[in-house]
Amino acid sequence: MNLLNYQRTIFGYHGCDRSLAEAVLSGKQALGVSDNDYDWLGRGIYFWEHGPNRALDWAVQRSGFPGSNIREPAVIGAVIHLGVCFDLLDTHYTEVLENYYNSFVAALKLEGRPVPQNHQIKAQPTDWLLRELDCQFLNWVIPKIDLRSGVTAQTVRGAFVEGPPAFPGAGIRKKSHIQVAVGDASAIIGYFRPC
């Protein structure tokens, strides 16, 4: 199976503390890789594709969590070349996931580990916000595909339907978005301050 090289450049937005945004913009610091066991797209630097307001909403919400490192919510923009992208909006990749899932379950069984589960939280009972299954499966399968193809995925991209309905009876949700996890920082062409 070959990974596809996406000759496409996007604008991504990352919610964070203002001090981090300023440090990144000045070149004094780099954005860190998120490696939580519930990250939606596995390990990477997370961005909302063309979604500065969603990034700010996330930073504001996160600033209210106990122990949060976000005191002054801000957003930093990035120009990202998707490059070799494991794109979950392309059926080529969702078929790969389907084909590898049983091998993933078998590998866990051999290790004596249970299959992780995605979870809802009380604040948003309609959304799977803690995606331990998705995260662990993507972290397991992408390196296998990289090894088999001889090419390393630089980015992972997916669409997520999230939040309450935008209006009564709607299938449109208020927090739906496209998210990108950058695994190879060289895919980030540069940063900018959103207006």
Protein backbone atom coordinates (compact mmCIF):
# COMPACT_ATOMS: atom_id res chain seq x y z
CA MET A 1 0.00 0.00 0.00
CA ASN A 2 1.42 3.38 -0.96
CA LEU A 3 0.94 6.53 1.05
CA LEU A 4 -0.24 9.42 -1.07
CA ASN A 5 1.75 12.64 -1.32
CA TYR A 6 -0.75 15.50 -1.06
CA GLN A 7 0.53 18.49 -2.97
CA ARG A 8 -1.73 20.70 -0.91
CA THR A 9 -1.04 23.50 1.53
CA ILE A 10 -3.50 24.45 4.24
CA PHE A 11 -3.83 26.99 7.01
CA GLY A 12 -4.01 25.41 10.46
CA TYR A 13 -4.76 27.03 13.80
CA HIS A 14 -3.45 25.91 17.19
CA GLY A 15 -5.05 27.00 20.47
CA CYS A 16 -2.58 27.69 23.27
CA ASP A 17 -1.46 30.22 25.88
CA ARG A 18 -0.47 33.66 24.56
CA SER A 19 3.06 33.30 25.94
CA LEU A 20 3.59 30.11 23.91
CA ALA A 21 2.16 31.71 20.77
CA GLU A 22 4.56 34.65 21.15
CA ALA A 23 7.53 32.35 21.82
CA VAL A 24 6.77 30.30 18.71
CA LEU A 25 6.27 33.40 16.56
CA SER A 26 9.62 34.80 17.75
CA GLY A 27 11.39 31.50 17.03
CA LYS A 28 12.31 30.92 20.68
CA GLN A 29 10.19 27.80 21.08
CA ALA A 30 8.49 25.11 19.00
CA LEU A 31 5.02 23.72 19.46
CA GLY A 32 5.12 20.43 21.35
CA VAL A 33 3.83 17.09 20.16
CA SER A 34 0.68 15.91 21.89
CA ASP A 35 1.02 12.32 23.04
CA ASN A 36 -2.07 11.81 25.17
CA ASP A 37 -3.64 8.36 25.10
CA TYR A 38 -6.97 9.93 24.00
CA ASP A 39 -5.79 12.19 21.13
CA TRP A 40 -8.16 11.84 18.19
CA LEU A 41 -5.54 11.37 15.47
CA GLY A 42 -2.74 9.84 17.50
CA ARG A 43 0.61 11.47 18.25
CA GLY A 44 1.27 14.88 16.66
CA ILE A 45 1.09 18.67 16.78
CA TYR A 46 -2.61 19.49 16.51
CA PHE A 47 -4.26 22.12 14.31
CA TRP A 48 -7.80 22.98 13.25
CA GLU A 49 -7.78 23.26 9.47
CA HIS A 50 -9.09 26.69 8.47
CA GLY A 51 -10.66 27.01 11.95
CA PRO A 52 -9.22 29.90 14.00
CA ASN A 53 -12.43 30.38 16.00
CA ARG A 54 -12.58 26.68 16.87
CA ALA A 55 -8.94 26.82 18.02
CA LEU A 56 -9.70 29.82 20.25
CA ASP A 57 -12.84 28.16 21.64
CA TRP A 58 -10.73 25.13 22.56
CA ALA A 59 -8.08 27.30 24.27
CA VAL A 60 -10.73 29.22 26.23
CA GLN A 61 -12.41 25.98 27.32
CA ARG A 62 -9.06 24.40 28.23
CA SER A 63 -8.04 27.44 30.30
CA GLY A 64 -10.89 26.64 32.69
CA PHE A 65 -9.59 23.13 33.47
CA PRO A 66 -7.79 22.60 36.79
CA GLY A 67 -4.02 22.59 36.24
CA SER A 68 -4.27 24.01 32.71
CA ASN A 69 -1.16 25.71 31.36
CA ILE A 70 -3.38 28.12 29.40
CA ARG A 71 -3.87 31.33 31.37
CA GLU A 72 -4.43 33.73 28.48
CA PRO A 73 -6.07 31.88 25.56
CA ALA A 74 -4.61 32.62 22.14
CA VAL A 75 -4.28 31.16 18.66
CA ILE A 76 -1.28 30.76 16.42
CA GLY A 77 -1.67 30.14 12.70
CA ALA A 78 0.51 27.84 10.63
CA VAL A 79 1.02 27.21 6.94
CA ILE A 80 1.18 23.42 6.61
CA HIS A 81 2.08 21.38 3.58
CA LEU A 82 0.18 18.11 4.06
CA GLY A 83 2.84 16.20 2.13
CA VAL A 84 2.58 12.47 2.79
CA CYS A 85 -0.79 12.56 4.52
CA PHE A 86 -2.71 9.73 6.16
CA ASP A 87 -6.00 11.38 5.20
CA LEU A 88 -9.08 9.92 6.87
CA LEU A 89 -11.26 11.90 4.44
CA ASP A 90 -9.99 9.63 1.68
CA THR A 91 -11.55 6.15 1.42
CA HIS A 92 -8.12 4.79 0.54
CA TYR A 93 -7.12 5.26 4.20
CA THR A 94 -10.37 4.28 5.87
CA GLU A 95 -10.18 0.98 3.99
CA VAL A 96 -6.65 0.53 5.34
CA LEU A 97 -7.99 0.98 8.86
CA GLU A 98 -10.70 -1.58 8.24
CA ASN A 99 -8.18 -4.06 6.83
CA TYR A 100 -5.70 -3.71 9.73
CA TYR A 101 -8.12 -3.63 12.67
CA ASN A 102 -8.22 -7.39 13.27
CA SER A 103 -4.40 -7.50 13.28
CA PHE A 104 -4.39 -4.72 15.87
CA VAL A 105 -6.82 -6.64 18.10
CA ALA A 106 -4.73 -9.82 17.70
CA ALA A 107 -1.53 -7.94 18.62
CA LEU A 108 -3.17 -6.58 21.77
CA LYS A 109 -4.39 -10.06 22.67
CA LEU A 110 -0.87 -11.47 22.31
CA GLU A 111 0.37 -8.76 24.69
CA GLY A 112 -2.42 -9.54 27.15
CA ARG A 113 -3.87 -6.03 26.76
CA PRO A 114 -7.57 -5.20 26.34
CA VAL A 115 -8.84 -3.37 23.28
CA PRO A 116 -9.14 0.30 24.30
CA GLN A 117 -12.48 2.07 24.04
CA ASN A 118 -13.54 5.57 23.02
CA HIS A 119 -15.50 7.39 25.75
CA GLN A 120 -18.01 10.14 26.14
CA ILE A 121 -17.86 12.64 28.97
CA LYS A 122 -20.77 13.98 31.00
CA ALA A 123 -20.39 17.54 29.71
CA GLN A 124 -20.86 16.38 26.10
CA PRO A 125 -22.64 13.01 26.19
CA THR A 126 -23.26 12.97 22.42
CA ASP A 127 -19.53 13.17 21.50
CA TRP A 128 -16.66 10.69 21.80
CA LEU A 129 -14.17 13.16 23.27
CA LEU A 130 -11.76 10.63 24.78
CA ARG A 131 -10.66 8.57 21.80
CA GLU A 132 -8.35 5.98 23.32
CA LEU A 133 -9.23 3.33 20.70
CA ASP A 134 -8.72 5.68 17.75
CA CYS A 135 -5.48 7.04 19.21
CA GLN A 136 -3.88 3.70 20.00
CA PHE A 137 -4.96 2.16 16.70
CA LEU A 138 -3.58 5.07 14.64
CA ASN A 139 -0.34 5.07 16.64
CA TRP A 140 -0.05 1.32 15.95
CA VAL A 141 -1.11 1.19 12.29
CA ILE A 142 0.62 4.24 10.80
CA PRO A 143 4.18 3.03 11.56
CA LYS A 144 3.26 -0.37 10.08
CA ILE A 145 2.05 1.31 6.88
CA ASP A 146 5.14 3.54 6.84
CA LEU A 147 7.41 0.48 7.11
CA ARG A 148 5.51 -1.45 4.46
CA SER A 149 5.41 1.46 1.99
CA GLY A 150 8.91 2.78 2.70
CA VAL A 151 7.44 6.27 3.10
CA THR A 152 6.74 8.10 6.37
CA ALA A 153 3.42 9.85 6.93
CA GLN A 154 4.03 13.51 7.77
CA THR A 155 0.46 14.44 8.67
CA VAL A 156 -2.82 12.79 9.67
CA ARG A 157 -6.10 14.50 8.79
CA GLY A 158 -9.68 13.75 9.82
CA ALA A 159 -13.14 15.31 9.98
CA PHE A 160 -15.14 15.23 13.18
CA VAL A 161 -18.83 15.89 13.75
CA GLU A 162 -18.96 17.39 17.22
CA GLY A 163 -21.16 19.40 19.52
CA PRO A 164 -24.88 19.97 19.85
CA PRO A 165 -27.09 20.60 16.80
CA ALA A 166 -26.68 24.08 15.31
CA PHE A 167 -30.48 24.48 15.32
CA PRO A 168 -33.44 22.28 16.33
CA GLY A 169 -33.52 19.06 14.31
CA ALA A 170 -30.23 19.83 12.55
CA GLY A 171 -27.68 17.28 11.43
CA ILE A 172 -25.18 20.16 11.40
CA ARG A 173 -23.22 20.34 14.65
CA LYS A 174 -21.83 23.49 16.25
CA LYS A 175 -18.25 22.23 16.75
CA SER A 176 -17.68 20.13 13.63
CA HIS A 177 -14.20 20.55 12.22
CA ILE A 178 -11.29 19.16 10.27
CA GLN A 179 -8.28 18.43 12.43
CA VAL A 180 -4.69 17.83 11.37
CA ALA A 181 -1.98 16.19 13.46
CA VAL A 182 1.50 16.99 12.21
CA GLY A 183 3.95 14.21 12.99
CA ASP A 184 6.83 15.65 10.98
CA ALA A 185 7.47 19.28 11.96
CA SER A 186 9.11 19.94 8.56
CA ALA A 187 5.55 19.93 7.15
CA ILE A 188 5.03 23.25 8.95
CA ILE A 189 6.23 25.88 6.50
CA GLY A 190 5.85 28.78 8.92
CA TYR A 191 3.74 30.46 11.58
CA PHE A 192 1.69 33.63 11.59
CA ARG A 193 -0.41 35.74 13.93
CA PRO A 194 -4.10 35.45 13.00
CA CYS A 195 -5.89 38.78 12.60
